[in-house]
Amino acid sequence: MALTFYTNPMSRAQIVRWALHEVGAEYEERILGFGAEMKSADYLAINPMGKVPAIDHDGMVVTEAAAICLYLAEAFPDAGLAPRTLAEKAQCYRWMFFSAGPVEQAITSHAMKWDEGLDAKKSATLGFGTYDTVVDTLSALFEGRTFVCGDRFTVADIYVGAQIDWGLQFGTLHSRPSFGSYAARLRERDAYKAAKKIDADHIAAMQGEA
């Protein structure tokens, strides 16, 4: 089955490239520039939002990084990344959706300073509550376990781990000992290193052309 990966190396598409390498998928990449190229009619037919990442797997289009990661885990079962037990599914879905929702919202709002000056009443109306509550909740998860679902690396670690890795790298997530040790484990994975090198090389080439 043919798999096309729509990406830009300076985007959340890095998460999906890591997932592709973890599952061992063969893929054709199509790098799209921000702006006109992502808003072209051809690409809007793939993703009407005009954003990356997206994949087309033999005619099946999936957008949104978390959804793509879950799809790839199911589409390539031999990689063993999908949750196997009901207990693993509970942890996987809980924390992936927490990261895609409250974590994303809290980090964005905090980085943009939209949450400054909000009192407790107004914060209570937000889906994530407060930035500090989100960070504390996520940090506590890794104080008692090696990976999201326990002792085994799963697809949840790609998405949740990428959020933490990215947050620590760019300073949008407060540094915590549990985050640092967890990110260090992920960075030792061969698929992580391979995917990161490809995107780093693309970024270097793009910057050299600028």
C-alpha atoms as a PDB file:
ATOM      1  CA  MET A   1       0.000   0.000   0.000  1.00  0.00           C
ATOM      2  CA  ALA A   2       1.393   3.392  -1.026  1.00  0.00           C
ATOM      3  CA  LEU A   3       1.871   5.953   1.721  1.00  0.00           C
ATOM      4  CA  THR A   4       2.427   9.640   1.039  1.00  0.00           C
ATOM      5  CA  PHE A   5       3.561  11.877   3.884  1.00  0.00           C
ATOM      6  CA  TYR A   6       2.823  15.597   3.593  1.00  0.00           C
ATOM      7  CA  THR A   7       5.198  17.545   5.758  1.00  0.00           C
ATOM      8  CA  ASN A   8       7.317  20.547   6.521  1.00  0.00           C
ATOM      9  CA  PRO A   9      10.342  19.842   8.721  1.00  0.00           C
ATOM     10  CA  MET A  10       9.672  22.949  10.815  1.00  0.00           C
ATOM     11  CA  SER A  11       6.304  21.769  12.041  1.00  0.00           C
ATOM     12  CA  ARG A  12       4.474  19.166  14.115  1.00  0.00           C
ATOM     13  CA  ALA A  13       4.936  16.851  11.151  1.00  0.00           C
ATOM     14  CA  GLN A  14       8.176  15.829  12.884  1.00  0.00           C
ATOM     15  CA  ILE A  15       5.956  13.798  15.219  1.00  0.00           C
ATOM     16  CA  VAL A  16       4.533  11.815  12.330  1.00  0.00           C
ATOM     17  CA  ARG A  17       7.926  11.202  10.749  1.00  0.00           C
ATOM     18  CA  TRP A  18       9.059   9.688  14.042  1.00  0.00           C
ATOM     19  CA  ALA A  19       5.935   7.503  14.070  1.00  0.00           C
ATOM     20  CA  LEU A  20       6.582   6.386  10.489  1.00  0.00           C
ATOM     21  CA  HIS A  21      10.070   5.267  11.438  1.00  0.00           C
ATOM     22  CA  GLU A  22       8.873   3.532  14.592  1.00  0.00           C
ATOM     23  CA  VAL A  23       6.384   1.411  12.617  1.00  0.00           C
ATOM     24  CA  GLY A  24       8.887   0.783   9.826  1.00  0.00           C
ATOM     25  CA  ALA A  25       6.696   2.222   7.074  1.00  0.00           C
ATOM     26  CA  GLU A  26       7.987   2.954   3.606  1.00  0.00           C
ATOM     27  CA  TYR A  27       6.743   6.344   2.485  1.00  0.00           C
ATOM     28  CA  GLU A  28       7.065   9.081  -0.085  1.00  0.00           C
ATOM     29  CA  GLU A  29       7.492  12.523   1.433  1.00  0.00           C
ATOM     30  CA  ARG A  30       6.134  15.704  -0.034  1.00  0.00           C
ATOM     31  CA  ILE A  31       7.544  18.821   1.598  1.00  0.00           C
ATOM     32  CA  LEU A  32       5.186  21.780   1.393  1.00  0.00           C
ATOM     33  CA  GLY A  33       6.109  25.382   2.007  1.00  0.00           C
ATOM     34  CA  PHE A  34       4.110  27.469   4.453  1.00  0.00           C
ATOM     35  CA  GLY A  35       1.666  29.802   2.783  1.00  0.00           C
ATOM     36  CA  ALA A  36       0.685  29.421  -0.853  1.00  0.00           C
ATOM     37  CA  GLU A  37       1.867  25.831  -1.273  1.00  0.00           C
ATOM     38  CA  MET A  38      -0.077  24.542   1.735  1.00  0.00           C
ATOM     39  CA  LYS A  39      -3.110  26.574   0.626  1.00  0.00           C
ATOM     40  CA  SER A  40      -3.035  25.293  -2.961  1.00  0.00           C
ATOM     41  CA  ALA A  41      -6.156  23.641  -4.335  1.00  0.00           C
ATOM     42  CA  ASP A  42      -4.349  20.311  -4.661  1.00  0.00           C
ATOM     43  CA  TYR A  43      -3.346  20.222  -1.014  1.00  0.00           C
ATOM     44  CA  LEU A  44      -6.630  21.649   0.282  1.00  0.00           C
ATOM     45  CA  ALA A  45      -8.234  18.582  -1.285  1.00  0.00           C
ATOM     46  CA  ILE A  46      -6.084  16.543   1.116  1.00  0.00           C
ATOM     47  CA  ASN A  47      -6.481  18.774   4.161  1.00  0.00           C
ATOM     48  CA  PRO A  48      -8.986  21.642   3.925  1.00  0.00           C
ATOM     49  CA  MET A  49      -7.189  23.295   6.855  1.00  0.00           C
ATOM     50  CA  GLY A  50      -4.147  23.777   4.638  1.00  0.00           C
ATOM     51  CA  LYS A  51      -1.800  22.483   7.317  1.00  0.00           C
ATOM     52  CA  VAL A  52       0.636  19.623   7.793  1.00  0.00           C
ATOM     53  CA  PRO A  53       1.027  16.836   8.746  1.00  0.00           C
ATOM     54  CA  ALA A  54      -1.204  14.605   6.688  1.00  0.00           C
ATOM     55  CA  ILE A  55      -0.857  11.154   5.194  1.00  0.00           C
ATOM     56  CA  ASP A  56      -2.529   9.421   2.287  1.00  0.00           C
ATOM     57  CA  HIS A  57      -2.332   5.673   2.806  1.00  0.00           C
ATOM     58  CA  ASP A  58      -3.607   4.046  -0.367  1.00  0.00           C
ATOM     59  CA  GLY A  59      -6.427   6.574  -0.631  1.00  0.00           C
ATOM     60  CA  MET A  60      -7.143   6.802   3.083  1.00  0.00           C
ATOM     61  CA  VAL A  61      -6.362  10.340   4.216  1.00  0.00           C
ATOM     62  CA  VAL A  62      -5.605  11.073   7.853  1.00  0.00           C
ATOM     63  CA  THR A  63      -4.810  14.493   9.303  1.00  0.00           C
ATOM     64  CA  GLU A  64      -3.928  15.643  12.852  1.00  0.00           C
ATOM     65  CA  ALA A  65      -0.714  14.304  14.375  1.00  0.00           C
ATOM     66  CA  ALA A  66      -2.338  12.350  17.211  1.00  0.00           C
ATOM     67  CA  ALA A  67      -4.833  10.700  14.858  1.00  0.00           C
ATOM     68  CA  ILE A  68      -2.089   9.802  12.390  1.00  0.00           C
ATOM     69  CA  CYS A  69       0.003   8.211  15.140  1.00  0.00           C
ATOM     70  CA  LEU A  70      -2.922   6.066  16.301  1.00  0.00           C
ATOM     71  CA  TYR A  71      -3.739   5.120  12.721  1.00  0.00           C
ATOM     72  CA  LEU A  72      -0.174   4.060  11.964  1.00  0.00           C
ATOM     73  CA  ALA A  73      -0.063   1.893  15.091  1.00  0.00           C
ATOM     74  CA  GLU A  74      -3.146   0.051  13.834  1.00  0.00           C
ATOM     75  CA  ALA A  75      -2.094  -0.045  10.173  1.00  0.00           C
ATOM     76  CA  PHE A  76       1.305  -1.567  11.014  1.00  0.00           C
ATOM     77  CA  PRO A  77       0.502  -4.024  13.823  1.00  0.00           C
ATOM     78  CA  ASP A  78       3.806  -5.899  13.569  1.00  0.00           C
ATOM     79  CA  ALA A  79       5.548  -2.875  15.131  1.00  0.00           C
ATOM     80  CA  GLY A  80       3.698  -3.620  18.374  1.00  0.00           C
ATOM     81  CA  LEU A  81       2.965   0.018  19.159  1.00  0.00           C
ATOM     82  CA  ALA A  82      -0.807  -0.214  19.524  1.00  0.00           C
ATOM     83  CA  PRO A  83      -2.171  -0.762  23.041  1.00  0.00           C
ATOM     84  CA  ARG A  84      -2.731  -4.475  23.575  1.00  0.00           C
ATOM     85  CA  THR A  85      -4.867  -4.698  26.680  1.00  0.00           C
ATOM     86  CA  LEU A  86      -7.864  -2.758  27.906  1.00  0.00           C
ATOM     87  CA  ALA A  87      -5.662  -1.315  30.641  1.00  0.00           C
ATOM     88  CA  GLU A  88      -3.142  -0.080  28.045  1.00  0.00           C
ATOM     89  CA  LYS A  89      -5.945   1.365  25.918  1.00  0.00           C
ATOM     90  CA  ALA A  90      -7.249   3.295  28.916  1.00  0.00           C
ATOM     91  CA  GLN A  91      -3.852   4.884  29.500  1.00  0.00           C
ATOM     92  CA  CYS A  92      -3.064   5.405  25.819  1.00  0.00           C
ATOM     93  CA  TYR A  93      -6.304   7.155  24.917  1.00  0.00           C
ATOM     94  CA  ARG A  94      -6.454   9.140  28.145  1.00  0.00           C
ATOM     95  CA  TRP A  95      -3.012  10.668  27.849  1.00  0.00           C
ATOM     96  CA  MET A  96      -2.901  11.109  24.079  1.00  0.00           C
ATOM     97  CA  PHE A  97      -6.156  13.065  24.138  1.00  0.00           C
ATOM     98  CA  PHE A  98      -5.002  14.973  27.216  1.00  0.00           C
ATOM     99  CA  SER A  99      -1.871  15.987  25.301  1.00  0.00           C
ATOM    100  CA  ALA A 100      -3.759  16.847  22.121  1.00  0.00           C
ATOM    101  CA  GLY A 101      -6.320  18.897  24.053  1.00  0.00           C
ATOM    102  CA  PRO A 102      -5.468  20.470  27.435  1.00  0.00           C
ATOM    103  CA  VAL A 103      -1.683  20.338  26.992  1.00  0.00           C
ATOM    104  CA  GLU A 104      -1.768  21.960  23.543  1.00  0.00           C
ATOM    105  CA  GLN A 105      -4.269  24.582  24.703  1.00  0.00           C
ATOM    106  CA  ALA A 106      -2.399  25.390  27.903  1.00  0.00           C
ATOM    107  CA  ILE A 107       0.999  25.706  26.225  1.00  0.00           C
ATOM    108  CA  THR A 108      -0.355  27.879  23.410  1.00  0.00           C
ATOM    109  CA  SER A 109      -2.315  30.142  25.748  1.00  0.00           C
ATOM    110  CA  HIS A 110       0.666  30.499  28.075  1.00  0.00           C
ATOM    111  CA  ALA A 111       3.121  31.190  25.247  1.00  0.00           C
ATOM    112  CA  MET A 112       0.789  33.840  23.807  1.00  0.00           C
ATOM    113  CA  LYS A 113       0.174  35.227  27.316  1.00  0.00           C
ATOM    114  CA  TRP A 114      -3.571  34.883  26.819  1.00  0.00           C
ATOM    115  CA  ASP A 115      -3.900  33.427  30.309  1.00  0.00           C
ATOM    116  CA  GLU A 116      -2.258  36.349  32.106  1.00  0.00           C
ATOM    117  CA  GLY A 117      -4.413  38.041  34.731  1.00  0.00           C
ATOM    118  CA  LEU A 118      -7.184  35.456  34.680  1.00  0.00           C
ATOM    119  CA  ASP A 119      -8.811  34.919  38.054  1.00  0.00           C
ATOM    120  CA  ALA A 120      -9.885  31.490  39.329  1.00  0.00           C
ATOM    121  CA  LYS A 121     -13.442  31.958  38.067  1.00  0.00           C
ATOM    122  CA  LYS A 122     -12.367  32.705  34.500  1.00  0.00           C
ATOM    123  CA  SER A 123      -9.733  29.955  34.519  1.00  0.00           C
ATOM    124  CA  ALA A 124     -12.424  27.488  35.511  1.00  0.00           C
ATOM    125  CA  THR A 125     -14.201  28.136  32.204  1.00  0.00           C
ATOM    126  CA  LEU A 126     -11.170  27.031  30.202  1.00  0.00           C
ATOM    127  CA  GLY A 127     -10.907  23.432  29.100  1.00  0.00           C
ATOM    128  CA  PHE A 128      -7.397  23.136  30.519  1.00  0.00           C
ATOM    129  CA  GLY A 129      -7.960  25.131  33.707  1.00  0.00           C
ATOM    130  CA  THR A 130      -4.505  26.587  34.233  1.00  0.00           C
ATOM    131  CA  TYR A 131      -1.093  26.056  32.698  1.00  0.00           C
ATOM    132  CA  ASP A 132       0.406  25.053  36.049  1.00  0.00           C
ATOM    133  CA  THR A 133      -2.299  22.437  36.672  1.00  0.00           C
ATOM    134  CA  VAL A 134      -1.654  20.883  33.264  1.00  0.00           C
ATOM    135  CA  VAL A 135       2.113  20.802  33.764  1.00  0.00           C
ATOM    136  CA  ASP A 136       1.773  19.332  37.254  1.00  0.00           C
ATOM    137  CA  THR A 137      -0.613  16.647  36.006  1.00  0.00           C
ATOM    138  CA  LEU A 138       1.614  15.625  33.109  1.00  0.00           C
ATOM    139  CA  SER A 139       4.759  15.681  35.233  1.00  0.00           C
ATOM    140  CA  ALA A 140       3.188  13.455  37.890  1.00  0.00           C
ATOM    141  CA  LEU A 141       2.479  10.811  35.265  1.00  0.00           C
ATOM    142  CA  PHE A 142       6.175  10.078  34.767  1.00  0.00           C
ATOM    143  CA  GLU A 143       7.129  10.129  38.407  1.00  0.00           C
ATOM    144  CA  GLY A 144       5.905   6.565  38.784  1.00  0.00           C
ATOM    145  CA  ARG A 145       6.282   4.917  35.396  1.00  0.00           C
ATOM    146  CA  THR A 146       8.753   4.511  32.558  1.00  0.00           C
ATOM    147  CA  PHE A 147       6.370   5.083  29.650  1.00  0.00           C
ATOM    148  CA  VAL A 148       2.817   6.348  29.210  1.00  0.00           C
ATOM    149  CA  CYS A 149       1.199   2.918  29.434  1.00  0.00           C
ATOM    150  CA  GLY A 150       3.627   1.496  31.988  1.00  0.00           C
ATOM    151  CA  ASP A 151       6.862  -0.351  31.250  1.00  0.00           C
ATOM    152  CA  ARG A 152       6.310  -0.713  27.485  1.00  0.00           C
ATOM    153  CA  PHE A 153       6.876   1.881  24.749  1.00  0.00           C
ATOM    154  CA  THR A 154       3.678   2.432  22.751  1.00  0.00           C
ATOM    155  CA  VAL A 155       2.272   4.869  20.225  1.00  0.00           C
ATOM    156  CA  ALA A 156       1.235   7.091  23.144  1.00  0.00           C
ATOM    157  CA  ASP A 157       4.895   7.783  23.846  1.00  0.00           C
ATOM    158  CA  ILE A 158       5.408   9.146  20.354  1.00  0.00           C
ATOM    159  CA  TYR A 159       2.712  11.793  20.689  1.00  0.00           C
ATOM    160  CA  VAL A 160       2.943  12.565  24.391  1.00  0.00           C
ATOM    161  CA  GLY A 161       6.727  12.281  24.258  1.00  0.00           C
ATOM    162  CA  ALA A 162       6.970  14.643  21.306  1.00  0.00           C
ATOM    163  CA  GLN A 163       4.974  17.250  23.222  1.00  0.00           C
ATOM    164  CA  ILE A 164       7.380  17.015  26.147  1.00  0.00           C
ATOM    165  CA  ASP A 165      10.500  16.855  23.978  1.00  0.00           C
ATOM    166  CA  TRP A 166       9.369  19.887  21.971  1.00  0.00           C
ATOM    167  CA  GLY A 167       8.317  21.785  25.090  1.00  0.00           C
ATOM    168  CA  LEU A 168      11.667  21.269  26.787  1.00  0.00           C
ATOM    169  CA  GLN A 169      13.598  22.167  23.639  1.00  0.00           C
ATOM    170  CA  PHE A 170      11.792  25.455  23.060  1.00  0.00           C
ATOM    171  CA  GLY A 171      11.088  26.361  26.675  1.00  0.00           C
ATOM    172  CA  THR A 172       7.295  26.275  26.379  1.00  0.00           C
ATOM    173  CA  LEU A 173       7.089  23.574  29.038  1.00  0.00           C
ATOM    174  CA  HIS A 174       8.504  24.030  32.522  1.00  0.00           C
ATOM    175  CA  SER A 175      11.484  21.765  33.121  1.00  0.00           C
ATOM    176  CA  ARG A 176      10.806  18.995  35.611  1.00  0.00           C
ATOM    177  CA  PRO A 177      13.066  16.043  36.573  1.00  0.00           C
ATOM    178  CA  SER A 178      10.426  13.564  35.396  1.00  0.00           C
ATOM    179  CA  PHE A 179      10.217  15.287  32.005  1.00  0.00           C
ATOM    180  CA  GLY A 180      13.990  15.304  31.573  1.00  0.00           C
ATOM    181  CA  SER A 181      14.483  11.628  32.342  1.00  0.00           C
ATOM    182  CA  TYR A 182      11.535  10.607  30.171  1.00  0.00           C
ATOM    183  CA  ALA A 183      12.725  12.683  27.209  1.00  0.00           C
ATOM    184  CA  ALA A 184      16.222  11.240  27.573  1.00  0.00           C
ATOM    185  CA  ARG A 185      14.837   7.714  27.200  1.00  0.00           C
ATOM    186  CA  LEU A 186      12.975   8.661  24.042  1.00  0.00           C
ATOM    187  CA  ARG A 187      15.965  10.384  22.461  1.00  0.00           C
ATOM    188  CA  GLU A 188      17.945   7.147  22.625  1.00  0.00           C
ATOM    189  CA  ARG A 189      15.533   5.336  20.319  1.00  0.00           C
ATOM    190  CA  ASP A 190      16.890   4.526  16.861  1.00  0.00           C
ATOM    191  CA  ALA A 191      13.687   5.629  15.115  1.00  0.00           C
ATOM    192  CA  TYR A 192      13.738   8.953  16.956  1.00  0.00           C
ATOM    193  CA  LYS A 193      17.350   9.587  15.915  1.00  0.00           C
ATOM    194  CA  ALA A 194      16.715   8.603  12.296  1.00  0.00           C
ATOM    195  CA  ALA A 195      13.623  10.768  11.954  1.00  0.00           C
ATOM    196  CA  LYS A 196      15.238  13.760  13.631  1.00  0.00           C
ATOM    197  CA  LYS A 197      18.280  13.549  11.365  1.00  0.00           C
ATOM    198  CA  ILE A 198      16.143  13.642   8.247  1.00  0.00           C
ATOM    199  CA  ASP A 199      14.258  16.722   9.416  1.00  0.00           C
ATOM    200  CA  ALA A 200      17.427  18.399  10.658  1.00  0.00           C
ATOM    201  CA  ASP A 201      19.037  17.863   7.255  1.00  0.00           C
ATOM    202  CA  HIS A 202      15.956  19.286   5.513  1.00  0.00           C
ATOM    203  CA  ILE A 203      15.974  22.337   7.779  1.00  0.00           C
ATOM    204  CA  ALA A 204      19.683  22.913   7.191  1.00  0.00           C
ATOM    205  CA  ALA A 205      19.159  22.722   3.431  1.00  0.00           C
ATOM    206  CA  MET A 206      16.208  25.126   3.568  1.00  0.00           C
ATOM    207  CA  GLN A 207      18.159  27.613   5.668  1.00  0.00           C
ATOM    208  CA  GLY A 208      21.104  27.346   3.299  1.00  0.00           C
ATOM    209  CA  GLU A 209      18.879  28.296   0.412  1.00  0.00           C
ATOM    210  CA  ALA A 210      17.410  31.285   2.240  1.00  0.00           C
END
